[in-house]
Amino acid sequence: MAGKLMAMTTGERNEWTLSHLDIQLGDRVLEVGYGPGVGIEKAVLLIREGEVVGIDPSETMLRQAEKRNWQAVQEGKVHLLSGKVEEWPGLKVPFDKIFSVNSAPFWSDRPRVLKKMQRWLRPEGMVATTYQQIGKNTQDPSAFADRLSGELRQAGFVQISREYRQFKGGIAVCVIARKPING
């Protein structure tokens, strides 16, 4: 049920997040926390010769994302993995772009995940992480962006910026960063 609700409400946030990454036709893209696969589906529309990989801790989300992206999986354009990114040993790298939408607050060791992402990106590759405050007792988007920006800097990212946008339910922030050319 949660996955179906997520699928109905996350499309715009995923499109907005992806719009900050300048995805090219041959890019390799990774989504961390793909949920029901809406972001994967939208990323596939932006690549033609590239590949989209996703990792999510939920087997239920894996099944929903596979169903939503069945054709792209069959064509070899999408590869979905199940597991916690914090524990994932490695992936076929490098990626050109990495994104996440409302999953970073749930990473048990965000600085460690960001260091992994930095290693998984090609030089000058980009990462975009979006967070929208949903419900009570959640982090303020600006405070989250401040903390995430510092963690990205510590992980070796540069050119860190942020964008804000009003969505149904509240303001979202997207923090964008780049791996340095010599990083």
N, C-alpha and C. Protein backbone atom coordinates (compact mmCIF):
# COMPACT_ATOMS: atom_id res chain seq x y z
N MET A 1 0.82 -1.19 0.00
CA MET A 1 0.00 0.00 0.00
C MET A 1 0.87 1.27 0.00
N ALA A 2 1.93 1.25 0.86
CA ALA A 2 2.81 2.42 0.94
C ALA A 2 3.48 2.70 -0.40
N GLY A 3 3.88 1.63 -1.10
CA GLY A 3 4.52 1.80 -2.40
C GLY A 3 3.58 2.42 -3.42
N LYS A 4 2.32 2.03 -3.39
CA LYS A 4 1.35 2.60 -4.33
C LYS A 4 1.12 4.08 -4.04
N LEU A 5 1.05 4.43 -2.77
CA LEU A 5 0.91 5.84 -2.38
C LEU A 5 2.14 6.63 -2.81
N MET A 6 3.33 6.06 -2.58
CA MET A 6 4.57 6.73 -3.00
C MET A 6 4.58 6.95 -4.51
N ALA A 7 4.15 5.94 -5.26
CA ALA A 7 4.15 6.05 -6.72
C ALA A 7 3.26 7.18 -7.20
N MET A 8 2.14 7.39 -6.49
CA MET A 8 1.21 8.44 -6.90
C MET A 8 1.70 9.83 -6.54
N THR A 9 2.59 9.94 -5.56
CA THR A 9 2.96 11.26 -5.06
C THR A 9 4.39 11.70 -5.34
N THR A 10 5.23 10.83 -5.87
CA THR A 10 6.64 11.18 -6.01
C THR A 10 7.09 11.56 -7.42
N GLY A 11 6.22 11.42 -8.40
CA GLY A 11 6.63 11.67 -9.78
C GLY A 11 7.23 13.04 -10.03
N GLU A 12 6.57 14.08 -9.56
CA GLU A 12 7.09 15.44 -9.77
C GLU A 12 8.43 15.66 -9.07
N ARG A 13 8.56 15.16 -7.85
CA ARG A 13 9.84 15.33 -7.13
C ARG A 13 10.97 14.61 -7.86
N ASN A 14 10.68 13.42 -8.39
CA ASN A 14 11.70 12.70 -9.13
C ASN A 14 12.09 13.45 -10.40
N GLU A 15 11.12 13.94 -11.15
CA GLU A 15 11.43 14.71 -12.36
C GLU A 15 12.26 15.94 -12.03
N TRP A 16 11.87 16.64 -10.98
CA TRP A 16 12.58 17.85 -10.57
C TRP A 16 14.02 17.52 -10.18
N THR A 17 14.20 16.46 -9.41
CA THR A 17 15.54 16.04 -9.01
C THR A 17 16.38 15.71 -10.23
N LEU A 18 15.86 14.91 -11.12
CA LEU A 18 16.59 14.53 -12.33
C LEU A 18 16.93 15.73 -13.21
N SER A 19 16.08 16.76 -13.19
CA SER A 19 16.33 17.95 -14.01
C SER A 19 17.60 18.68 -13.61
N HIS A 20 18.09 18.45 -12.42
CA HIS A 20 19.32 19.11 -11.95
C HIS A 20 20.58 18.36 -12.36
N LEU A 21 20.44 17.21 -13.00
CA LEU A 21 21.60 16.37 -13.28
C LEU A 21 22.10 16.42 -14.72
N ASP A 22 21.42 17.10 -15.61
CA ASP A 22 21.85 17.18 -17.01
C ASP A 22 22.18 15.78 -17.55
N ILE A 23 21.23 14.88 -17.44
CA ILE A 23 21.45 13.50 -17.87
C ILE A 23 21.55 13.44 -19.38
N GLN A 24 22.58 12.73 -19.86
CA GLN A 24 22.85 12.56 -21.28
C GLN A 24 22.40 11.17 -21.74
N LEU A 25 22.24 10.98 -23.03
CA LEU A 25 21.69 9.75 -23.58
C LEU A 25 22.47 8.49 -23.19
N GLY A 26 23.77 8.58 -23.03
CA GLY A 26 24.57 7.41 -22.71
C GLY A 26 25.00 7.29 -21.26
N ASP A 27 24.43 8.09 -20.38
CA ASP A 27 24.84 8.09 -18.97
C ASP A 27 24.47 6.79 -18.25
N ARG A 28 25.30 6.47 -17.27
CA ARG A 28 24.97 5.43 -16.28
C ARG A 28 24.50 6.17 -15.05
N VAL A 29 23.28 5.86 -14.62
CA VAL A 29 22.62 6.58 -13.53
C VAL A 29 22.29 5.60 -12.42
N LEU A 30 22.51 6.03 -11.18
CA LEU A 30 22.17 5.22 -10.00
C LEU A 30 21.14 5.96 -9.17
N GLU A 31 20.07 5.26 -8.79
CA GLU A 31 19.14 5.82 -7.81
C GLU A 31 19.28 5.02 -6.52
N VAL A 32 19.49 5.74 -5.43
CA VAL A 32 19.59 5.11 -4.11
C VAL A 32 18.26 5.33 -3.42
N GLY A 33 17.56 4.23 -3.14
CA GLY A 33 16.24 4.30 -2.53
C GLY A 33 15.16 4.47 -3.59
N TYR A 34 15.04 3.54 -4.51
CA TYR A 34 14.14 3.71 -5.65
C TYR A 34 12.66 3.50 -5.32
N GLY A 35 12.34 2.96 -4.16
CA GLY A 35 10.93 2.77 -3.79
C GLY A 35 10.19 1.99 -4.86
N PRO A 36 9.00 2.45 -5.27
CA PRO A 36 8.22 1.70 -6.27
C PRO A 36 8.74 1.87 -7.70
N GLY A 37 9.84 2.57 -7.91
CA GLY A 37 10.48 2.64 -9.22
C GLY A 37 10.08 3.80 -10.11
N VAL A 38 9.42 4.80 -9.56
CA VAL A 38 9.01 5.95 -10.36
C VAL A 38 10.22 6.74 -10.86
N GLY A 39 11.21 6.97 -10.00
CA GLY A 39 12.41 7.69 -10.42
C GLY A 39 13.20 6.91 -11.47
N ILE A 40 13.26 5.59 -11.31
CA ILE A 40 13.92 4.73 -12.29
C ILE A 40 13.22 4.90 -13.64
N GLU A 41 11.91 4.83 -13.62
CA GLU A 41 11.11 4.97 -14.84
C GLU A 41 11.39 6.31 -15.53
N LYS A 42 11.46 7.37 -14.77
CA LYS A 42 11.68 8.71 -15.34
C LYS A 42 13.12 8.84 -15.85
N ALA A 43 14.08 8.23 -15.15
CA ALA A 43 15.48 8.29 -15.60
C ALA A 43 15.66 7.53 -16.92
N VAL A 44 14.96 6.41 -17.08
CA VAL A 44 15.06 5.63 -18.32
C VAL A 44 14.62 6.47 -19.51
N LEU A 45 13.64 7.34 -19.31
CA LEU A 45 13.17 8.19 -20.41
C LEU A 45 14.24 9.19 -20.86
N LEU A 46 15.20 9.48 -19.99
CA LEU A 46 16.25 10.45 -20.31
C LEU A 46 17.48 9.83 -20.95
N ILE A 47 17.67 8.54 -20.75
CA ILE A 47 18.81 7.86 -21.37
C ILE A 47 18.29 7.06 -22.56
N ARG A 48 19.13 6.83 -23.51
CA ARG A 48 18.74 5.97 -24.63
C ARG A 48 19.72 4.80 -24.73
N GLU A 49 20.99 5.11 -24.67
CA GLU A 49 22.01 4.07 -24.77
C GLU A 49 22.62 3.76 -23.41
N GLY A 50 22.20 4.45 -22.39
CA GLY A 50 22.78 4.30 -21.06
C GLY A 50 22.14 3.20 -20.26
N GLU A 51 22.32 3.32 -18.94
CA GLU A 51 21.84 2.29 -18.01
C GLU A 51 21.40 2.97 -16.73
N VAL A 52 20.34 2.45 -16.13
CA VAL A 52 19.88 2.94 -14.85
C VAL A 52 19.93 1.78 -13.85
N VAL A 53 20.59 2.02 -12.73
CA VAL A 53 20.73 1.02 -11.67
C VAL A 53 20.06 1.59 -10.43
N GLY A 54 19.41 0.73 -9.67
CA GLY A 54 18.79 1.17 -8.43
C GLY A 54 19.10 0.21 -7.30
N ILE A 55 19.19 0.77 -6.10
CA ILE A 55 19.35 -0.05 -4.90
C ILE A 55 18.36 0.45 -3.86
N ASP A 56 17.66 -0.49 -3.23
CA ASP A 56 16.66 -0.17 -2.23
C ASP A 56 16.64 -1.31 -1.21
N PRO A 57 16.42 -0.99 0.07
CA PRO A 57 16.46 -2.05 1.08
C PRO A 57 15.24 -2.96 1.10
N SER A 58 14.17 -2.62 0.40
CA SER A 58 12.91 -3.35 0.52
C SER A 58 12.66 -4.31 -0.64
N GLU A 59 12.43 -5.57 -0.31
CA GLU A 59 12.07 -6.56 -1.33
C GLU A 59 10.71 -6.23 -1.96
N THR A 60 9.81 -5.67 -1.17
CA THR A 60 8.50 -5.27 -1.69
C THR A 60 8.67 -4.19 -2.75
N MET A 61 9.53 -3.20 -2.47
CA MET A 61 9.77 -2.14 -3.45
C MET A 61 10.46 -2.71 -4.69
N LEU A 62 11.34 -3.68 -4.50
CA LEU A 62 12.00 -4.31 -5.64
C LEU A 62 10.95 -4.90 -6.58
N ARG A 63 9.99 -5.64 -6.04
CA ARG A 63 8.96 -6.25 -6.87
C ARG A 63 8.12 -5.19 -7.59
N GLN A 64 7.76 -4.13 -6.88
CA GLN A 64 6.95 -3.07 -7.51
C GLN A 64 7.76 -2.35 -8.59
N ALA A 65 9.02 -2.07 -8.31
CA ALA A 65 9.86 -1.38 -9.30
C ALA A 65 10.12 -2.25 -10.52
N GLU A 66 10.30 -3.56 -10.31
CA GLU A 66 10.49 -4.46 -11.45
C GLU A 66 9.23 -4.49 -12.31
N LYS A 67 8.09 -4.54 -11.68
CA LYS A 67 6.83 -4.55 -12.43
C LYS A 67 6.66 -3.25 -13.22
N ARG A 68 6.91 -2.11 -12.58
CA ARG A 68 6.76 -0.80 -13.22
C ARG A 68 7.75 -0.64 -14.39
N ASN A 69 8.93 -1.21 -14.28
CA ASN A 69 10.00 -1.03 -15.27
C ASN A 69 10.32 -2.32 -16.03
N TRP A 70 9.34 -3.20 -16.14
CA TRP A 70 9.54 -4.53 -16.70
C TRP A 70 10.23 -4.48 -18.06
N GLN A 71 9.73 -3.65 -18.97
CA GLN A 71 10.29 -3.60 -20.32
C GLN A 71 11.76 -3.18 -20.30
N ALA A 72 12.08 -2.14 -19.54
CA ALA A 72 13.47 -1.65 -19.47
C ALA A 72 14.38 -2.69 -18.81
N VAL A 73 13.86 -3.44 -17.85
CA VAL A 73 14.64 -4.52 -17.23
C VAL A 73 14.94 -5.59 -18.28
N GLN A 74 13.92 -5.97 -19.06
CA GLN A 74 14.08 -6.98 -20.10
C GLN A 74 15.09 -6.54 -21.16
N GLU A 75 15.13 -5.24 -21.45
CA GLU A 75 16.04 -4.69 -22.46
C GLU A 75 17.45 -4.49 -21.91
N GLY A 76 17.65 -4.71 -20.61
CA GLY A 76 18.97 -4.53 -20.00
C GLY A 76 19.31 -3.09 -19.68
N LYS A 77 18.34 -2.19 -19.77
CA LYS A 77 18.59 -0.78 -19.46
C LYS A 77 18.47 -0.49 -17.97
N VAL A 78 17.78 -1.37 -17.24
CA VAL A 78 17.55 -1.18 -15.81
C VAL A 78 18.00 -2.42 -15.05
N HIS A 79 18.73 -2.17 -13.96
CA HIS A 79 19.17 -3.23 -13.05
C HIS A 79 18.80 -2.80 -11.65
N LEU A 80 17.95 -3.60 -11.00
CA LEU A 80 17.47 -3.27 -9.66
C LEU A 80 18.06 -4.23 -8.65
N LEU A 81 18.57 -3.67 -7.57
CA LEU A 81 19.20 -4.43 -6.50
C LEU A 81 18.45 -4.20 -5.20
N SER A 82 18.47 -5.20 -4.34
CA SER A 82 17.83 -5.06 -3.04
C SER A 82 18.88 -5.21 -1.95
N GLY A 83 18.94 -4.21 -1.07
CA GLY A 83 19.89 -4.22 0.04
C GLY A 83 20.09 -2.81 0.55
N LYS A 84 20.70 -2.71 1.70
CA LYS A 84 20.99 -1.40 2.27
C LYS A 84 22.25 -0.84 1.64
N VAL A 85 22.18 0.38 1.18
CA VAL A 85 23.33 1.00 0.52
C VAL A 85 24.52 1.07 1.47
N GLU A 86 24.26 1.23 2.76
CA GLU A 86 25.34 1.31 3.75
C GLU A 86 26.16 0.02 3.78
N GLU A 87 25.53 -1.11 3.47
CA GLU A 87 26.18 -2.41 3.54
C GLU A 87 26.60 -2.94 2.18
N TRP A 88 26.22 -2.23 1.11
CA TRP A 88 26.48 -2.74 -0.23
C TRP A 88 27.98 -2.69 -0.51
N PRO A 89 28.56 -3.84 -0.91
CA PRO A 89 30.01 -3.89 -1.07
C PRO A 89 30.55 -3.11 -2.25
N GLY A 90 29.79 -3.03 -3.31
CA GLY A 90 30.29 -2.31 -4.47
C GLY A 90 29.37 -2.53 -5.66
N LEU A 91 29.57 -1.73 -6.66
CA LEU A 91 28.76 -1.80 -7.87
C LEU A 91 29.71 -1.67 -9.06
N LYS A 92 29.22 -2.09 -10.23
CA LYS A 92 29.99 -1.85 -11.45
C LYS A 92 30.03 -0.34 -11.63
N VAL A 93 31.19 0.22 -11.58
CA VAL A 93 31.35 1.68 -11.63
C VAL A 93 32.21 2.05 -12.84
N PRO A 94 32.24 3.30 -13.23
CA PRO A 94 31.68 4.45 -12.54
C PRO A 94 30.28 4.79 -13.05
N PHE A 95 29.58 5.61 -12.26
CA PHE A 95 28.31 6.20 -12.66
C PHE A 95 28.57 7.65 -13.06
N ASP A 96 27.73 8.14 -13.94
CA ASP A 96 27.80 9.54 -14.34
C ASP A 96 26.98 10.42 -13.40
N LYS A 97 25.84 9.88 -12.94
CA LYS A 97 24.92 10.63 -12.08
C LYS A 97 24.35 9.69 -11.02
N ILE A 98 24.13 10.24 -9.83
CA ILE A 98 23.49 9.50 -8.74
C ILE A 98 22.42 10.41 -8.15
N PHE A 99 21.25 9.83 -7.85
CA PHE A 99 20.21 10.64 -7.23
C PHE A 99 19.44 9.84 -6.18
N SER A 100 18.81 10.59 -5.30
CA SER A 100 17.92 9.99 -4.30
C SER A 100 16.83 11.01 -3.97
N VAL A 101 15.66 10.49 -3.65
CA VAL A 101 14.52 11.34 -3.29
C VAL A 101 13.93 10.81 -1.98
N ASN A 102 14.02 11.61 -0.94
CA ASN A 102 13.48 11.30 0.38
C ASN A 102 14.01 9.99 0.96
N SER A 103 15.22 9.60 0.60
CA SER A 103 15.79 8.40 1.23
C SER A 103 16.98 8.72 2.13
N ALA A 104 17.69 9.82 1.88
CA ALA A 104 18.88 10.14 2.68
C ALA A 104 18.61 10.24 4.18
N PRO A 105 17.46 10.74 4.64
CA PRO A 105 17.23 10.79 6.08
C PRO A 105 17.18 9.41 6.73
N PHE A 106 16.99 8.38 5.94
CA PHE A 106 16.87 7.02 6.49
C PHE A 106 18.18 6.24 6.46
N TRP A 107 19.22 6.80 5.84
CA TRP A 107 20.50 6.09 5.81
C TRP A 107 21.09 6.10 7.21
N SER A 108 21.45 4.95 7.71
CA SER A 108 21.94 4.86 9.09
C SER A 108 23.30 5.52 9.26
N ASP A 109 24.08 5.61 8.20
CA ASP A 109 25.41 6.23 8.26
C ASP A 109 25.59 7.07 6.99
N ARG A 110 24.93 8.24 6.96
CA ARG A 110 24.93 9.07 5.75
C ARG A 110 26.34 9.47 5.31
N PRO A 111 27.25 9.88 6.20
CA PRO A 111 28.60 10.22 5.73
C PRO A 111 29.28 9.06 5.00
N ARG A 112 29.07 7.85 5.48
CA ARG A 112 29.66 6.67 4.83
C ARG A 112 29.03 6.45 3.44
N VAL A 113 27.72 6.62 3.34
CA VAL A 113 27.03 6.46 2.06
C VAL A 113 27.54 7.50 1.06
N LEU A 114 27.69 8.74 1.51
CA LEU A 114 28.16 9.80 0.61
C LEU A 114 29.58 9.54 0.14
N LYS A 115 30.43 8.98 0.99
CA LYS A 115 31.79 8.61 0.56
C LYS A 115 31.74 7.51 -0.49
N LYS A 116 30.83 6.55 -0.31
CA LYS A 116 30.66 5.50 -1.32
C LYS A 116 30.23 6.12 -2.64
N MET A 117 29.25 7.00 -2.57
CA MET A 117 28.76 7.65 -3.80
C MET A 117 29.89 8.38 -4.50
N GLN A 118 30.71 9.05 -3.74
CA GLN A 118 31.83 9.79 -4.33
C GLN A 118 32.77 8.83 -5.05
N ARG A 119 33.02 7.67 -4.47
CA ARG A 119 33.89 6.67 -5.11
C ARG A 119 33.22 6.08 -6.35
N TRP A 120 31.90 5.95 -6.33
CA TRP A 120 31.18 5.32 -7.43
C TRP A 120 30.99 6.25 -8.63
N LEU A 121 31.22 7.54 -8.46
CA LEU A 121 31.05 8.50 -9.55
C LEU A 121 32.32 8.65 -10.36
N ARG A 122 32.17 8.92 -11.64
CA ARG A 122 33.32 9.28 -12.48
C ARG A 122 33.74 10.70 -12.10
N PRO A 123 34.96 11.10 -12.41
CA PRO A 123 35.34 12.48 -12.17
C PRO A 123 34.36 13.44 -12.84
N GLU A 124 33.97 14.47 -12.14
CA GLU A 124 32.99 15.47 -12.54
C GLU A 124 31.56 14.93 -12.58
N GLY A 125 31.35 13.71 -12.09
CA GLY A 125 29.99 13.17 -11.99
C GLY A 125 29.20 13.95 -10.96
N MET A 126 27.88 13.83 -11.05
CA MET A 126 27.01 14.64 -10.19
C MET A 126 26.11 13.78 -9.31
N VAL A 127 25.77 14.34 -8.16
CA VAL A 127 24.81 13.73 -7.25
C VAL A 127 23.75 14.77 -6.93
N ALA A 128 22.48 14.32 -6.84
CA ALA A 128 21.37 15.19 -6.45
C ALA A 128 20.54 14.44 -5.42
N THR A 129 20.34 15.06 -4.28
CA THR A 129 19.57 14.44 -3.20
C THR A 129 18.45 15.39 -2.81
N THR A 130 17.23 14.91 -2.95
CA THR A 130 16.06 15.73 -2.63
C THR A 130 15.42 15.24 -1.34
N TYR A 131 14.97 16.22 -0.57
CA TYR A 131 14.27 15.94 0.69
C TYR A 131 13.08 16.87 0.79
N GLN A 132 11.92 16.29 1.10
CA GLN A 132 10.73 17.09 1.36
C GLN A 132 10.20 16.69 2.72
N GLN A 133 10.00 17.69 3.55
CA GLN A 133 9.43 17.47 4.87
C GLN A 133 7.99 16.99 4.69
N ILE A 134 7.70 15.82 5.21
CA ILE A 134 6.36 15.27 5.12
C ILE A 134 5.92 14.85 6.51
N GLY A 135 4.85 15.42 6.98
CA GLY A 135 4.33 15.07 8.30
C GLY A 135 5.00 15.85 9.40
N LYS A 136 4.50 15.62 10.60
CA LYS A 136 5.05 16.30 11.77
C LYS A 136 6.32 15.59 12.24
N ASN A 137 7.09 16.28 13.05
CA ASN A 137 8.30 15.73 13.66
C ASN A 137 9.34 15.31 12.62
N THR A 138 9.40 16.01 11.49
CA THR A 138 10.43 15.75 10.49
C THR A 138 11.36 16.95 10.42
N GLN A 139 12.49 16.77 9.79
CA GLN A 139 13.50 17.82 9.73
C GLN A 139 13.06 18.96 8.81
N ASP A 140 13.42 20.17 9.18
CA ASP A 140 13.22 21.33 8.34
C ASP A 140 14.10 21.18 7.09
N PRO A 141 13.58 21.44 5.89
CA PRO A 141 14.38 21.27 4.68
C PRO A 141 15.68 22.07 4.67
N SER A 142 15.67 23.30 5.18
CA SER A 142 16.90 24.10 5.20
C SER A 142 17.93 23.52 6.14
N ALA A 143 17.49 23.07 7.31
CA ALA A 143 18.42 22.47 8.27
C ALA A 143 19.00 21.17 7.69
N PHE A 144 18.15 20.39 7.03
CA PHE A 144 18.62 19.16 6.40
C PHE A 144 19.66 19.49 5.32
N ALA A 145 19.37 20.51 4.49
CA ALA A 145 20.29 20.89 3.42
C ALA A 145 21.62 21.38 3.97
N ASP A 146 21.60 22.12 5.08
CA ASP A 146 22.84 22.57 5.71
C ASP A 146 23.69 21.37 6.15
N ARG A 147 23.06 20.43 6.82
CA ARG A 147 23.77 19.26 7.32
C ARG A 147 24.30 18.41 6.15
N LEU A 148 23.44 18.18 5.15
CA LEU A 148 23.85 17.37 4.00
C LEU A 148 24.98 18.05 3.22
N SER A 149 24.92 19.36 3.06
CA SER A 149 25.99 20.09 2.35
C SER A 149 27.33 19.90 3.04
N GLY A 150 27.34 19.99 4.35
CA GLY A 150 28.58 19.76 5.11
C GLY A 150 29.09 18.34 4.95
N GLU A 151 28.18 17.38 4.97
CA GLU A 151 28.58 15.97 4.81
C GLU A 151 29.10 15.71 3.40
N LEU A 152 28.49 16.33 2.40
CA LEU A 152 28.99 16.19 1.03
C LEU A 152 30.39 16.77 0.90
N ARG A 153 30.62 17.92 1.50
CA ARG A 153 31.94 18.55 1.48
C ARG A 153 32.98 17.62 2.12
N GLN A 154 32.62 17.05 3.27
CA GLN A 154 33.54 16.13 3.97
C GLN A 154 33.80 14.87 3.15
N ALA A 155 32.84 14.46 2.33
CA ALA A 155 33.01 13.27 1.49
C ALA A 155 33.83 13.57 0.24
N GLY A 156 34.18 14.84 0.02
CA GLY A 156 35.03 15.21 -1.11
C GLY A 156 34.31 15.83 -2.29
N PHE A 157 33.03 16.14 -2.15
CA PHE A 157 32.30 16.78 -3.23
C PHE A 157 32.57 18.28 -3.28
N VAL A 158 32.38 18.86 -4.45
CA VAL A 158 32.58 20.29 -4.66
C VAL A 158 31.37 20.86 -5.39
N GLN A 159 31.37 22.16 -5.61
CA GLN A 159 30.30 22.86 -6.32
C GLN A 159 28.93 22.47 -5.74
N ILE A 160 28.83 22.54 -4.44
CA ILE A 160 27.61 22.15 -3.75
C ILE A 160 26.62 23.32 -3.79
N SER A 161 25.42 23.02 -4.25
CA SER A 161 24.37 24.04 -4.34
C SER A 161 23.05 23.41 -3.91
N ARG A 162 22.06 24.27 -3.79
CA ARG A 162 20.72 23.77 -3.43
C ARG A 162 19.65 24.55 -4.15
N GLU A 163 18.56 23.86 -4.39
CA GLU A 163 17.38 24.43 -5.02
C GLU A 163 16.18 24.09 -4.15
N TYR A 164 15.22 25.00 -4.09
CA TYR A 164 13.99 24.79 -3.33
C TYR A 164 12.80 24.85 -4.28
N ARG A 165 11.77 24.07 -3.94
CA ARG A 165 10.54 24.12 -4.73
C ARG A 165 9.36 23.72 -3.84
N GLN A 166 8.27 24.40 -4.05
CA GLN A 166 7.03 24.09 -3.33
C GLN A 166 6.31 22.96 -4.06
N PHE A 167 5.99 21.92 -3.33
CA PHE A 167 5.17 20.81 -3.84
C PHE A 167 3.95 20.69 -2.95
N LYS A 168 2.99 19.93 -3.41
CA LYS A 168 1.85 19.64 -2.55
C LYS A 168 2.40 18.98 -1.29
N GLY A 169 2.05 19.50 -0.17
CA GLY A 169 2.54 18.93 1.09
C GLY A 169 3.71 19.68 1.69
N GLY A 170 4.34 20.59 0.94
CA GLY A 170 5.42 21.36 1.54
C GLY A 170 6.57 21.64 0.60
N ILE A 171 7.56 22.32 1.15
CA ILE A 171 8.75 22.71 0.39
C ILE A 171 9.75 21.56 0.36
N ALA A 172 10.35 21.36 -0.80
CA ALA A 172 11.41 20.37 -0.96
C ALA A 172 12.71 21.11 -1.25
N VAL A 173 13.80 20.48 -0.87
CA VAL A 173 15.13 21.00 -1.19
C VAL A 173 15.89 19.91 -1.94
N CYS A 174 16.61 20.31 -2.97
CA CYS A 174 17.49 19.40 -3.70
C CYS A 174 18.91 19.93 -3.54
N VAL A 175 19.77 19.10 -2.99
CA VAL A 175 21.18 19.47 -2.82
C VAL A 175 21.95 18.76 -3.93
N ILE A 176 22.68 19.55 -4.70
CA ILE A 176 23.39 19.08 -5.87
C ILE A 176 24.89 19.26 -5.63
N ALA A 177 25.68 18.28 -6.01
CA ALA A 177 27.13 18.38 -5.84
C ALA A 177 27.83 17.63 -6.98
N ARG A 178 29.10 17.90 -7.10
CA ARG A 178 29.91 17.31 -8.17
C ARG A 178 31.17 16.69 -7.58
N LYS A 179 31.59 15.59 -8.17
CA LYS A 179 32.89 15.01 -7.82
C LYS A 179 33.95 15.80 -8.55
N PRO A 180 35.03 16.18 -7.87
CA PRO A 180 36.06 16.96 -8.56
C PRO A 180 36.75 16.14 -9.65
N ILE A 181 37.34 16.84 -10.58
CA ILE A 181 38.02 16.18 -11.71
C ILE A 181 39.16 15.30 -11.22
N ASN A 182 39.79 15.67 -10.13
CA ASN A 182 40.89 14.88 -9.57
C ASN A 182 40.48 14.13 -8.31
N GLY A 183 39.19 13.86 -8.16
CA GLY A 183 38.69 13.28 -6.92
C GLY A 183 38.55 11.81 -6.90
